[in-house]
Protein backbone atom coordinates (compact mmCIF):
# COMPACT_ATOMS: atom_id res chain seq x y z
CA MET A 1 11.34 -10.53 -2.86
CA GLN A 2 12.23 -11.95 0.55
CA PHE A 3 10.53 -11.59 3.92
CA SER A 4 13.61 -9.70 5.14
CA GLU A 5 12.90 -6.92 2.62
CA ILE A 6 9.48 -6.19 4.13
CA ALA A 7 8.93 -3.93 7.10
CA GLY A 8 7.65 -5.51 10.33
CA GLN A 9 4.90 -8.16 10.20
CA VAL A 10 7.11 -10.58 12.14
CA SER A 11 4.17 -12.58 13.52
CA ILE A 12 2.60 -12.92 10.05
CA LYS A 13 5.88 -14.13 8.53
CA GLU A 14 6.26 -16.68 11.33
CA LYS A 15 2.66 -17.83 10.89
CA LEU A 16 3.13 -18.40 7.16
CA VAL A 17 6.31 -20.41 7.74
CA GLN A 18 4.52 -22.50 10.38
CA LEU A 19 1.58 -23.19 8.07
CA VAL A 20 3.99 -24.61 5.53
CA SER A 21 6.20 -26.53 7.95
CA HIS A 22 3.18 -28.20 9.60
CA ASN A 23 1.45 -28.84 6.27
CA ARG A 24 -1.58 -26.78 7.31
CA LEU A 25 -1.70 -24.37 4.40
CA SER A 26 -5.13 -23.74 2.87
CA HIS A 27 -5.41 -23.80 -0.91
CA ALA A 28 -6.98 -20.30 -0.87
CA LEU A 29 -5.61 -17.49 1.30
CA LEU A 30 -6.88 -13.93 1.72
CA PHE A 31 -4.16 -11.43 2.68
CA LEU A 32 -6.27 -8.57 4.04
CA GLY A 33 -4.56 -5.32 4.96
CA LYS A 34 -5.01 -1.58 4.55
CA GLU A 35 -3.10 0.45 1.98
CA GLY A 36 0.57 0.62 2.90
CA SER A 37 0.57 -2.46 5.14
CA GLY A 38 2.74 -4.39 2.67
CA SER A 39 0.17 -7.09 1.87
CA LEU A 40 1.13 -7.51 -1.79
CA ALA A 41 4.84 -7.57 -0.97
CA LEU A 42 4.16 -10.26 1.65
CA ALA A 43 2.25 -12.35 -0.89
CA ILE A 44 5.11 -12.09 -3.38
CA ALA A 45 7.68 -12.94 -0.70
CA PHE A 46 5.61 -15.91 0.44
CA SER A 47 5.32 -17.25 -3.11
CA GLN A 48 9.10 -16.97 -3.46
CA TYR A 49 9.49 -18.80 -0.14
CA LEU A 50 7.38 -21.65 -1.49
CA VAL A 51 9.32 -22.08 -4.74
CA CYS A 52 12.78 -21.63 -3.16
CA GLU A 53 14.85 -24.68 -4.09
CA ARG A 54 16.70 -24.68 -0.78
CA ASN A 55 13.52 -24.72 1.20
CA LYS A 56 11.18 -27.17 -0.51
CA PRO A 57 8.05 -27.55 1.67
CA HIS A 58 7.30 -30.92 0.16
CA SER A 59 8.66 -33.55 -2.18
CA GLN A 60 7.34 -33.80 -5.69
CA HIS A 61 5.07 -36.68 -4.63
CA ASP A 62 3.60 -35.12 -1.50
CA SER A 63 0.61 -32.83 -1.33
CA LEU A 64 1.18 -29.30 -0.09
CA PHE A 65 -2.27 -29.09 1.47
CA GLY A 66 -3.70 -31.21 4.25
CA ALA A 67 -1.47 -34.25 3.88
CA ALA A 68 -0.14 -36.23 6.80
CA GLU A 69 2.55 -34.52 8.87
CA PRO A 70 5.79 -34.60 6.86
CA GLN A 71 8.94 -36.21 8.15
CA GLN A 72 11.26 -33.99 10.16
CA THR A 73 12.52 -31.25 7.86
CA THR A 74 14.51 -28.12 8.64
CA PHE A 75 12.67 -25.11 7.21
CA LEU A 76 14.37 -21.77 6.65
CA ASN A 77 12.67 -18.62 7.91
CA ASP A 78 13.04 -17.01 4.49
CA ALA A 79 13.73 -17.80 0.85
CA CYS A 80 17.44 -18.10 0.09
CA GLY A 81 17.29 -15.40 -2.57
CA VAL A 82 20.02 -16.91 -4.74
CA CYS A 83 18.76 -20.20 -6.19
CA PRO A 84 17.42 -20.14 -9.78
CA SER A 85 13.80 -20.27 -8.57
CA CYS A 86 14.32 -17.33 -6.21
CA VAL A 87 15.99 -15.30 -8.95
CA LYS A 88 13.02 -15.88 -11.25
CA ALA A 89 10.46 -15.24 -8.51
CA SER A 90 12.21 -12.01 -7.51
CA ALA A 91 12.05 -10.80 -11.11
CA LEU A 92 8.36 -11.86 -11.30
CA ILE A 93 9.11 -14.27 -14.15
CA HIS A 94 8.78 -17.64 -12.40
CA PRO A 95 6.62 -19.81 -14.71
CA ASP A 96 4.60 -21.25 -11.81
CA ILE A 97 3.76 -17.91 -10.12
CA HIS A 98 0.94 -16.11 -11.92
CA PHE A 99 -0.47 -12.64 -11.29
CA SER A 100 -3.94 -11.22 -11.71
CA PHE A 101 -4.82 -7.55 -11.24
CA PRO A 102 -7.18 -4.82 -12.50
CA THR A 103 -6.75 -3.86 -16.16
CA ILE A 104 -8.29 -1.44 -18.65
CA THR A 105 -9.22 -1.45 -22.32
CA LYS A 106 -6.68 0.27 -24.58
CA ASP A 107 -6.00 0.59 -28.29
CA GLY A 108 -5.46 -2.93 -29.52
CA ILE A 109 -6.64 -4.47 -26.21
CA ASP A 110 -10.43 -4.68 -26.12
CA LYS A 111 -10.55 -7.90 -24.05
CA PRO A 112 -7.87 -7.13 -21.47
CA LYS A 113 -6.10 -9.78 -19.41
CA SER A 114 -3.29 -9.40 -16.91
CA ASN A 115 -0.81 -10.97 -19.32
CA ASP A 116 -1.37 -8.02 -21.65
CA PHE A 117 0.11 -5.74 -18.98
CA ILE A 118 2.71 -8.04 -17.40
CA VAL A 119 5.71 -5.92 -18.45
CA GLU A 120 4.11 -2.80 -16.94
CA TRP A 121 3.27 -4.84 -13.83
CA ARG A 122 6.89 -5.91 -13.31
CA ASN A 123 8.04 -2.30 -13.70
CA PHE A 124 5.35 -1.12 -11.29
CA ILE A 125 6.38 -3.59 -8.56
CA ALA A 126 10.05 -2.72 -9.06
CA GLN A 127 9.46 1.03 -8.84
CA THR A 128 6.41 1.22 -6.55
CA PRO A 129 6.32 -1.97 -4.44
CA PHE A 130 3.76 -0.54 -2.01
CA GLY A 131 1.62 1.38 -4.51
CA ASN A 132 -2.17 1.31 -4.43
CA SER A 133 -4.66 0.54 -7.19
CA PHE A 134 -4.80 4.21 -8.23
CA ASP A 135 -1.02 4.27 -8.71
CA TRP A 136 -1.22 1.11 -10.81
CA LEU A 137 -4.07 2.28 -13.03
CA GLN A 138 -2.41 5.63 -13.65
CA SER A 139 0.86 3.87 -14.53
CA ILE A 140 -0.91 2.08 -17.41
CA GLY A 141 -2.63 5.23 -18.64
CA ALA A 142 -6.08 4.67 -17.18
CA GLU A 143 -6.69 8.38 -16.52
CA ASN A 144 -10.45 8.37 -15.78
CA LYS A 145 -11.10 4.79 -16.87
CA GLN A 146 -12.38 2.28 -14.33
CA GLY A 147 -10.16 -0.76 -13.80
CA ASN A 148 -11.67 -4.25 -13.78
CA ILE A 149 -10.76 -7.89 -13.45
CA THR A 150 -12.72 -9.11 -16.44
CA SER A 151 -14.42 -12.34 -17.44
CA HIS A 152 -11.65 -12.79 -20.03
CA GLU A 153 -9.14 -12.63 -17.18
CA CYS A 154 -11.07 -15.25 -15.18
CA GLU A 155 -11.08 -17.57 -18.20
CA ASP A 156 -7.33 -17.05 -18.60
CA ILE A 157 -6.79 -17.91 -14.92
CA LEU A 158 -8.68 -21.17 -15.35
CA ARG A 159 -6.61 -22.00 -18.41
CA LYS A 160 -3.30 -21.31 -16.65
CA LEU A 161 -4.11 -23.25 -13.51
CA ASN A 162 -5.35 -26.28 -15.42
CA LEU A 163 -1.93 -26.65 -17.02
CA LYS A 164 0.78 -28.72 -15.38
CA SER A 165 3.37 -26.85 -13.35
CA PHE A 166 6.66 -26.16 -15.10
CA GLU A 167 9.25 -26.30 -12.32
CA SER A 168 8.11 -26.19 -8.72
CA GLY A 169 5.59 -29.03 -8.67
CA TYR A 170 2.67 -26.72 -7.94
CA LYS A 171 1.14 -23.45 -9.16
CA ILE A 172 0.49 -20.14 -7.37
CA LEU A 173 -1.91 -17.39 -8.39
CA ILE A 174 -1.59 -14.00 -6.69
CA GLN A 175 -4.69 -11.93 -7.36
CA TRP A 176 -4.27 -8.33 -6.28
CA MET A 177 -7.39 -6.31 -5.49
CA PRO A 178 -10.14 -8.94 -5.90
CA GLU A 179 -12.47 -6.04 -5.06
CA TYR A 180 -12.36 -5.34 -8.81
CA LEU A 181 -13.95 -8.70 -9.60
CA GLY A 182 -17.54 -8.39 -10.70
CA ALA A 183 -20.14 -11.13 -10.78
CA THR A 184 -17.98 -12.84 -13.40
CA GLY A 185 -15.70 -13.75 -10.50
CA ASN A 186 -18.08 -16.61 -9.83
CA LYS A 187 -16.37 -18.36 -12.74
CA LEU A 188 -13.48 -18.98 -10.35
CA LEU A 189 -15.57 -20.56 -7.57
CA LYS A 190 -15.16 -24.18 -8.56
CA MET A 191 -11.43 -23.73 -9.15
CA ILE A 192 -10.99 -22.06 -5.75
CA GLU A 193 -13.09 -24.67 -3.95
CA GLU A 194 -11.69 -27.73 -5.74
CA PRO A 195 -8.39 -26.70 -7.32
CA PRO A 196 -6.05 -29.05 -9.15
CA PRO A 197 -3.45 -30.68 -6.87
CA ASN A 198 -0.88 -28.31 -5.40
CA THR A 199 -2.57 -25.13 -6.61
CA LEU A 200 -2.54 -22.10 -4.30
CA PHE A 201 -4.69 -18.97 -4.57
CA ILE A 202 -3.47 -15.87 -2.72
CA LEU A 203 -5.98 -13.00 -2.82
CA VAL A 204 -4.57 -9.64 -1.71
CA ALA A 205 -7.26 -7.16 -0.68
CA GLU A 206 -7.87 -3.95 1.28
CA ASP A 207 -11.66 -4.03 1.75
CA GLU A 208 -13.33 -7.40 2.37
CA SER A 209 -16.80 -5.83 2.08
CA ARG A 210 -16.19 -5.32 -1.65
CA ILE A 211 -15.24 -8.95 -2.33
CA ILE A 212 -18.06 -11.12 -3.61
CA PRO A 213 -19.22 -13.26 -0.65
CA THR A 214 -19.04 -16.57 -2.49
CA ILE A 215 -15.29 -16.12 -2.97
CA LEU A 216 -14.71 -14.59 0.46
CA SER A 217 -16.25 -17.60 2.20
CA ARG A 218 -13.83 -19.97 0.49
CA THR A 219 -10.62 -18.36 1.73
CA GLN A 220 -8.49 -18.57 4.86
CA LEU A 221 -8.03 -15.09 6.30
CA ILE A 222 -4.51 -13.79 6.94
CA LYS A 223 -4.98 -10.40 8.61
CA ILE A 224 -2.14 -7.98 7.81
CA ASN A 225 -1.86 -5.34 10.53
CA GLN A 226 -0.98 -1.70 10.07
CA LEU A 227 2.68 -1.05 10.80
CA ASN A 228 3.86 1.03 13.74
CA LYS A 229 6.34 3.87 13.64
CA THR A 230 9.26 1.82 14.94
CA GLU A 231 8.80 -0.88 12.28
CA ILE A 232 8.80 1.68 9.48
CA LYS A 233 11.77 3.53 10.94
CA GLU A 234 13.85 0.34 11.22
CA TRP A 235 12.91 -0.66 7.66
CA LEU A 236 13.92 2.75 6.32
CA ILE A 237 17.31 2.55 8.01
CA LYS A 238 18.05 -1.11 7.24
CA ASN A 239 16.53 -1.64 3.81
CA GLN A 240 16.52 1.83 2.28
CA GLY A 241 19.69 3.27 3.78
CA VAL A 242 17.88 6.31 5.17
CA PRO A 243 19.77 8.21 7.93
CA ALA A 244 18.24 7.76 11.39
CA GLU A 245 17.07 11.38 11.79
CA LYS A 246 15.41 11.40 8.37
CA ALA A 247 13.87 7.97 9.02
CA GLU A 248 12.41 9.29 12.29
CA ALA A 249 10.66 12.14 10.48
CA ILE A 250 9.36 9.97 7.63
CA SER A 251 8.07 7.24 9.94
CA THR A 252 6.19 9.82 11.99
CA ILE A 253 4.51 11.53 9.05
CA SER A 254 3.68 8.33 7.14
CA ALA A 255 1.53 7.11 10.07
CA GLY A 256 2.03 3.39 9.47
CA ASN A 257 1.62 3.57 5.68
CA LEU A 258 4.54 2.05 3.73
CA ARG A 259 3.31 3.63 0.52
CA GLU A 260 3.55 7.08 2.04
CA ALA A 261 6.93 6.27 3.60
CA PHE A 262 8.27 5.05 0.25
CA GLN A 263 7.11 8.25 -1.44
CA LEU A 264 8.55 10.43 1.31
CA ILE A 265 11.98 8.84 0.90
CA HIS A 266 12.26 10.67 -2.39
CA HIS A 267 10.64 13.94 -1.30
CA SER A 268 11.43 14.32 2.40
CA ASP A 269 13.91 17.14 1.70
CA GLU A 270 11.05 19.40 0.62
CA ASP A 271 10.65 22.38 2.94
CA TRP A 272 7.04 21.70 3.92
CA GLN A 273 7.45 23.96 6.97
CA GLU A 274 8.24 26.99 4.81
CA LEU A 275 5.41 26.15 2.40
CA LEU A 276 2.96 25.85 5.28
CA ARG A 277 4.17 29.13 6.78
CA GLU A 278 3.56 30.91 3.47
CA TRP A 279 0.08 29.41 3.18
CA LEU A 280 -1.01 30.38 6.66
CA ASN A 281 0.39 33.90 6.25
CA ALA A 282 -1.43 34.27 2.92
CA MET A 283 -4.62 32.87 4.39
CA LEU A 284 -4.72 34.83 7.64
CA LYS A 285 -2.66 37.95 7.05
CA ASN A 286 -1.64 38.84 3.49
CA GLY A 287 -4.92 38.51 1.62
CA PRO A 288 -6.21 37.26 -1.76
CA ALA A 289 -3.19 38.26 -3.90
CA ALA A 290 -0.82 36.23 -1.69
CA GLN A 291 -3.27 33.33 -1.65
CA ILE A 292 -3.47 33.22 -5.46
CA LYS A 293 0.34 33.35 -5.70
CA TRP A 294 0.69 30.48 -3.21
CA ILE A 295 -1.99 28.40 -4.97
CA ASP A 296 -0.16 28.88 -8.29
CA GLU A 297 3.05 27.61 -6.70
CA ILE A 298 1.60 24.48 -5.11
CA SER A 299 -0.40 23.68 -8.25
CA LYS A 300 2.90 23.22 -10.09
CA LEU A 301 3.91 20.40 -7.75
CA GLY A 302 2.96 16.84 -8.63
CA ARG A 303 0.09 15.00 -6.96
CA GLU A 304 2.37 13.06 -4.64
CA LYS A 305 4.08 16.20 -3.32
CA GLN A 306 0.73 17.89 -2.81
CA LYS A 307 -0.51 14.91 -0.81
CA GLN A 308 2.70 14.79 1.22
CA PHE A 309 2.33 18.46 2.08
CA LEU A 310 -1.23 17.85 3.31
CA ALA A 311 -0.02 14.81 5.27
CA TYR A 312 2.63 17.00 6.91
CA PHE A 313 0.03 19.58 7.93
CA THR A 314 -2.23 16.80 9.26
CA HIS A 315 0.68 15.43 11.28
CA LEU A 316 1.30 18.83 12.87
CA LEU A 317 -2.37 19.19 13.75
CA SER A 318 -2.35 15.69 15.27
CA THR A 319 0.61 16.79 17.37
CA SER A 320 -1.51 19.70 18.59
CA ILE A 321 -4.23 17.31 19.76
CA HIS A 322 -1.64 15.12 21.47
CA GLU A 323 -0.08 18.14 23.15
CA SER A 324 -3.42 19.36 24.51
CA ILE A 325 -4.39 15.96 25.93
CA LEU A 326 -1.14 14.28 26.99
CA GLY A 327 1.51 16.96 26.82
CA SER A 328 4.54 16.88 24.52
CA SER A 329 5.64 13.61 22.98
CA GLU A 330 9.10 12.18 22.38
CA ASP A 331 8.02 11.69 18.75
CA SER A 332 7.69 15.46 18.24
CA GLY A 333 10.49 17.82 17.38
CA GLU A 334 10.97 21.32 18.78
CA MET A 335 9.26 23.02 15.83
CA GLU A 336 6.31 20.65 16.02
CA VAL A 337 5.80 21.26 19.73
CA ASP A 338 6.01 25.02 19.17
CA PHE A 339 3.39 24.76 16.40
CA ALA A 340 1.15 22.62 18.61
CA ARG A 341 1.22 25.10 21.47
CA ARG A 342 0.43 28.03 19.18
CA VAL A 343 -2.48 26.15 17.61
CA ASN A 344 -3.90 25.15 20.98
CA LYS A 345 -3.94 28.79 22.09
CA LEU A 346 -5.87 29.80 19.00
CA ILE A 347 -8.12 26.95 17.94
CA ALA A 348 -10.35 24.56 19.83
CA PRO A 349 -9.96 20.80 19.29
CA GLU A 350 -13.24 20.80 17.34
CA GLN A 351 -11.76 23.26 14.85
CA ILE A 352 -8.58 21.20 14.51
CA GLU A 353 -10.69 18.13 13.81
CA ALA A 354 -12.65 20.03 11.15
CA ILE A 355 -9.42 21.15 9.44
CA VAL A 356 -8.05 17.59 9.47
CA GLN A 357 -11.25 16.36 7.84
CA GLU A 358 -10.89 18.95 5.09
CA LEU A 359 -7.24 17.98 4.53
CA ASP A 360 -8.21 14.31 4.27
CA LYS A 361 -10.93 15.09 1.73
CA ALA A 362 -8.52 17.22 -0.29
CA SER A 363 -5.98 14.39 -0.38
CA TYR A 364 -8.71 12.03 -1.58
CA TYR A 365 -9.64 14.37 -4.44
CA ILE A 366 -6.00 14.95 -5.40
CA GLU A 367 -5.61 11.20 -5.82
CA ARG A 368 -8.57 11.27 -8.18
CA ASN A 369 -6.99 13.95 -10.35
CA ALA A 370 -8.93 16.99 -9.18
CA ASN A 371 -7.94 20.37 -10.60
CA PRO A 372 -5.27 21.55 -8.11
CA LYS A 373 -5.98 25.27 -8.41
CA MET A 374 -9.68 24.86 -7.76
CA LEU A 375 -9.04 22.36 -4.96
CA PHE A 376 -6.52 24.49 -3.05
CA MET A 377 -8.58 27.65 -3.52
CA ALA A 378 -11.60 25.89 -2.01
CA LEU A 379 -9.44 24.42 0.77
CA THR A 380 -7.96 27.84 1.58
CA LEU A 381 -11.42 29.36 1.93
CA LYS A 382 -12.71 26.46 4.06
CA ILE A 383 -9.79 26.59 6.48
CA TYR A 384 -10.01 30.38 6.68
CA HIS A 385 -13.65 30.18 7.70
CA ILE A 386 -12.89 27.45 10.25
CA ILE A 387 -10.36 29.68 11.99
CA LYS A 388 -11.64 33.15 10.99
CA ASP A 389 -11.16 35.93 13.50
CA LYS A 390 -7.94 34.15 14.53
CA SER A 391 -5.81 36.31 12.25
CA VAL A 392 -2.32 35.61 13.58
CA ILE A 393 0.60 33.70 12.10
CA LEU A 394 0.55 30.17 13.48
CA ILE A 395 4.21 29.48 12.67
CA ASN A 396 7.02 31.99 13.16
């Protein structure tokens, strides 16, 4: 993976290149960014940048960390993508780039380590490069099991990093979601604080409050910002081949979340407007029989489509708030503005906020495998009571 494949984050990419070119790279980095910010993809791209044969940051005899300023060297702004090291790194099979991530116990695997799931991991990154920990755990059949980075995994990390490097002259460990490290993570402290020469830890996290403080204090923070609409739109057009009009809609609804944008690429042709119209009519006009019919229909959709539908409704309600405060926005289409104006005539901002909160909670429970029929029945009743006595169709 190259920097050019990742949406936005221009300043972060430049900072990482500068750290290398000026020999100021810490031996332990914390890439901290919210879901969908592309933190893991950036860590993978950075590791490929470091092993790229056309862009060696140091000679085999130099130290990567804290050595004297190197002699004048021309550094590329990205990995070349074609040398043997880049090809291996892109396929996640470079022998000097190791991965650590949450795992589960399974039949035949009672002391799980990341290496036991490396094939599934490579498939996951290839198919869902911006997925979250829930996506990953479900992809390996976790169902209701809790993922962990175990003591056996920590011991395996120590073993790997104490070996000599195979090709690049140094070793890189990318640990995704260190929040899943328990107290056994303290086994890594000495290695993180005093690693073997030319060993780099890259921790990729979403919530620093869940990382054990002893590890957190030993890392250099690289803050990964949430993306803006323009960055996602440009990435969709350039890297995913999405038409400009479709990219505009996806970038608006995804609200800075690459994971959501990536999912919407494959489902953005769904007629969420029609589905929302049917729901509101059933809720406010047609009664229980229509509500049950609608709930049966949406329950047949997969979790991702259900969440995307709720995200679409949330986006329209956000447009209503924007319309009431600032007037219409260039980001909003004609249908969205019409919806916003109808909502603002019928519902106070406090009611809109309450509905948005219920939609957010429903999305949270969907991700945790809640029963869809029960969830959408409860959501229908809650929204009805929030806007009861407003029995008109909100969308023509």
